[in-house]
C-alpha atoms as a PDB file:
ATOM      1  CA  MET A   1      43.235  46.858  -0.246  1.00  0.00           C
ATOM      2  CA  SER A   2      40.770  46.327   2.565  1.00  0.00           C
ATOM      3  CA  SER A   3      39.196  42.962   3.251  1.00  0.00           C
ATOM      4  CA  GLU A   4      36.201  44.591   4.926  1.00  0.00           C
ATOM      5  CA  LEU A   5      33.071  44.145   2.821  1.00  0.00           C
ATOM      6  CA  THR A   6      29.832  45.926   3.386  1.00  0.00           C
ATOM      7  CA  GLU A   7      26.609  44.039   3.882  1.00  0.00           C
ATOM      8  CA  GLU A   8      25.398  45.071   0.434  1.00  0.00           C
ATOM      9  CA  GLU A   9      28.585  43.772  -1.237  1.00  0.00           C
ATOM     10  CA  MET A  10      28.264  40.446   0.625  1.00  0.00           C
ATOM     11  CA  ARG A  11      24.689  40.068  -0.546  1.00  0.00           C
ATOM     12  CA  ARG A  12      25.708  40.725  -4.138  1.00  0.00           C
ATOM     13  CA  ALA A  13      28.560  38.208  -3.858  1.00  0.00           C
ATOM     14  CA  LEU A  14      26.303  35.494  -2.416  1.00  0.00           C
ATOM     15  CA  PHE A  15      23.048  36.033  -4.259  1.00  0.00           C
ATOM     16  CA  GLY A  16      23.996  38.061  -7.291  1.00  0.00           C
ATOM     17  CA  THR A  17      22.483  41.333  -8.347  1.00  0.00           C
ATOM     18  CA  PRO A  18      18.747  41.623  -7.753  1.00  0.00           C
ATOM     19  CA  GLN A  19      16.738  41.468 -10.953  1.00  0.00           C
ATOM     20  CA  PRO A  20      13.577  43.508 -11.255  1.00  0.00           C
ATOM     21  CA  GLU A  21      10.458  41.371 -11.074  1.00  0.00           C
ATOM     22  CA  GLU A  22       8.396  41.296 -14.213  1.00  0.00           C
ATOM     23  CA  GLN A  23       4.850  42.399 -13.760  1.00  0.00           C
ATOM     24  CA  VAL A  24       2.323  39.865 -14.961  1.00  0.00           C
ATOM     25  CA  SER A  25      -1.030  41.246 -15.968  1.00  0.00           C
ATOM     26  CA  ALA A  26      -4.153  39.396 -14.877  1.00  0.00           C
ATOM     27  CA  PRO A  27      -5.636  37.098 -17.514  1.00  0.00           C
ATOM     28  CA  ARG A  28      -8.552  38.492 -19.388  1.00  0.00           C
ATOM     29  CA  VAL A  29     -11.971  37.166 -18.659  1.00  0.00           C
ATOM     30  CA  SER A  30     -13.639  36.272 -21.912  1.00  0.00           C
ATOM     31  CA  GLU A  31     -17.312  36.642 -22.601  1.00  0.00           C
ATOM     32  CA  HIS A  32     -19.756  33.843 -21.871  1.00  0.00           C
ATOM     33  CA  VAL A  33     -18.730  30.675 -23.702  1.00  0.00           C
ATOM     34  CA  PRO A  34     -21.540  28.194 -24.326  1.00  0.00           C
ATOM     35  CA  GLU A  35     -20.915  24.904 -22.543  1.00  0.00           C
ATOM     36  CA  VAL A  36     -20.581  21.852 -24.703  1.00  0.00           C
ATOM     37  CA  VAL A  37     -21.697  18.620 -23.073  1.00  0.00           C
ATOM     38  CA  PRO A  38     -19.860  15.658 -24.566  1.00  0.00           C
ATOM     39  CA  LYS A  39     -22.051  12.762 -25.578  1.00  0.00           C
ATOM     40  CA  LYS A  40     -21.027   9.173 -25.045  1.00  0.00           C
ATOM     41  CA  PRO A  41     -20.134   7.542 -28.335  1.00  0.00           C
ATOM     42  CA  ALA A  42     -22.406   4.733 -29.390  1.00  0.00           C
ATOM     43  CA  THR A  43     -20.565   1.490 -28.733  1.00  0.00           C
ATOM     44  CA  ALA A  44     -21.501  -2.131 -28.763  1.00  0.00           C
ATOM     45  CA  PRO A  45     -22.429  -3.560 -25.370  1.00  0.00           C
ATOM     46  CA  GLN A  46     -19.415  -4.949 -23.588  1.00  0.00           C
ATOM     47  CA  VAL A  47     -19.292  -8.625 -22.874  1.00  0.00           C
ATOM     48  CA  ASN A  48     -18.136  -9.453 -19.352  1.00  0.00           C
ATOM     49  CA  LYS A  49     -15.081 -11.615 -19.686  1.00  0.00           C
ATOM     50  CA  LYS A  50     -14.214 -13.981 -16.904  1.00  0.00           C
ATOM     51  CA  THR A  51     -10.808 -13.063 -15.632  1.00  0.00           C
ATOM     52  CA  ALA A  52      -8.385 -15.802 -14.859  1.00  0.00           C
ATOM     53  CA  LYS A  53      -8.058 -16.334 -11.149  1.00  0.00           C
ATOM     54  CA  ALA A  54      -4.734 -14.961 -10.032  1.00  0.00           C
ATOM     55  CA  PHE A  55      -2.481 -17.353  -8.171  1.00  0.00           C
ATOM     56  CA  THR A  56      -2.402 -16.615  -4.484  1.00  0.00           C
ATOM     57  CA  PRO A  57       0.346 -18.205  -2.443  1.00  0.00           C
ATOM     58  CA  ARG A  58      -1.065 -20.462   0.241  1.00  0.00           C
ATOM     59  CA  LEU A  59       0.471 -22.410   3.079  1.00  0.00           C
ATOM     60  CA  LYS A  60      -1.176 -25.218   4.984  1.00  0.00           C
ATOM     61  CA  VAL A  61      -0.382 -25.172   8.707  1.00  0.00           C
ATOM     62  CA  THR A  62      -1.118 -28.306  10.733  1.00  0.00           C
ATOM     63  CA  LEU A  63      -1.517 -27.907  14.498  1.00  0.00           C
ATOM     64  CA  ARG A  64      -2.283 -30.223  17.391  1.00  0.00           C
ATOM     65  CA  VAL A  65      -4.689 -28.519  19.765  1.00  0.00           C
ATOM     66  CA  GLY A  66      -6.432 -29.356  23.012  1.00  0.00           C
ATOM     67  CA  ASN A  67      -7.801 -27.931  26.245  1.00  0.00           C
ATOM     68  CA  GLU A  68      -6.300 -30.483  28.677  1.00  0.00           C
ATOM     69  CA  PHE A  69      -2.616 -30.676  29.608  1.00  0.00           C
ATOM     70  CA  GLU A  70      -1.264 -33.939  28.159  1.00  0.00           C
ATOM     71  CA  GLY A  71      -4.838 -34.890  27.357  1.00  0.00           C
ATOM     72  CA  LYS A  72      -6.599 -35.685  24.108  1.00  0.00           C
ATOM     73  CA  MET A  73      -5.215 -33.593  21.232  1.00  0.00           C
ATOM     74  CA  THR A  74      -6.913 -33.057  17.891  1.00  0.00           C
ATOM     75  CA  GLU A  75      -5.388 -31.973  14.592  1.00  0.00           C
ATOM     76  CA  LEU A  76      -6.367 -28.603  13.176  1.00  0.00           C
ATOM     77  CA  ILE A  77      -5.490 -27.442   9.650  1.00  0.00           C
ATOM     78  CA  HIS A  78      -5.242 -23.733   8.910  1.00  0.00           C
ATOM     79  CA  GLU A  79      -4.729 -22.245   5.427  1.00  0.00           C
ATOM     80  CA  ALA A  80      -2.816 -18.962   5.237  1.00  0.00           C
ATOM     81  CA  ASP A  81      -2.553 -16.641   2.221  1.00  0.00           C
ATOM     82  CA  THR A  82       1.128 -15.838   2.506  1.00  0.00           C
ATOM     83  CA  LEU A  83       4.533 -17.106   1.447  1.00  0.00           C
ATOM     84  CA  SER A  84       6.083 -16.531   4.854  1.00  0.00           C
ATOM     85  CA  SER A  85       5.988 -19.681   6.965  1.00  0.00           C
ATOM     86  CA  LEU A  86       6.559 -17.648  10.121  1.00  0.00           C
ATOM     87  CA  LEU A  87       3.569 -15.394   9.426  1.00  0.00           C
ATOM     88  CA  ALA A  88       1.439 -18.411   8.530  1.00  0.00           C
ATOM     89  CA  GLU A  89       2.420 -20.135  11.778  1.00  0.00           C
ATOM     90  CA  GLN A  90       1.679 -17.044  13.874  1.00  0.00           C
ATOM     91  CA  GLU A  91      -1.680 -16.537  12.178  1.00  0.00           C
ATOM     92  CA  ALA A  92      -2.681 -20.179  12.731  1.00  0.00           C
ATOM     93  CA  VAL A  93      -1.613 -20.178  16.381  1.00  0.00           C
ATOM     94  CA  ARG A  94      -3.456 -16.915  17.013  1.00  0.00           C
ATOM     95  CA  ALA A  95      -6.636 -18.346  15.483  1.00  0.00           C
ATOM     96  CA  ALA A  96      -6.311 -21.623  17.453  1.00  0.00           C
ATOM     97  CA  ARG A  97      -5.699 -19.835  20.787  1.00  0.00           C
ATOM     98  CA  LYS A  98      -9.177 -18.323  20.574  1.00  0.00           C
ATOM     99  CA  LYS A  99     -10.716 -21.773  21.131  1.00  0.00           C
ATOM    100  CA  TYR A 100      -7.968 -24.007  22.547  1.00  0.00           C
ATOM    101  CA  LYS A 101      -5.598 -23.600  25.475  1.00  0.00           C
ATOM    102  CA  TYR A 102      -2.703 -25.787  24.282  1.00  0.00           C
ATOM    103  CA  VAL A 103      -1.380 -25.446  20.717  1.00  0.00           C
ATOM    104  CA  GLU A 104       1.513 -27.392  19.177  1.00  0.00           C
ATOM    105  CA  LEU A 105       2.853 -26.863  15.653  1.00  0.00           C
ATOM    106  CA  VAL A 106       3.127 -30.005  13.529  1.00  0.00           C
ATOM    107  CA  SER A 107       4.037 -28.747  10.044  1.00  0.00           C
ATOM    108  CA  VAL A 108       3.909 -25.886   7.567  1.00  0.00           C
ATOM    109  CA  LYS A 109       3.581 -26.945   3.908  1.00  0.00           C
ATOM    110  CA  SER A 110       2.893 -25.102   0.667  1.00  0.00           C
ATOM    111  CA  MET A 111      -0.265 -25.995  -1.189  1.00  0.00           C
END
């Protein structure tokens, strides 16, 4: 028995026998159908309810800032809307650097 297979036999072994494709006829176009416009049902006017304010996590970052080296320093409090103390610290320092040259972190507390 020969182990040589023809290309056609290999295709049949891998992919199976080809099945004839079924021809699908195009859908019929029906005659003009009158359009029906849906009307809004009559409902009572809705009363705007006040939604409860969702809890947003906040951290209070306290910084000492100043423009003179070893000069007068003032305290600055920044509120951040995050749970990450690192992100809150970075955000506060970035905001303080816009106005002050020297920034020192004092504390990061949750509110």
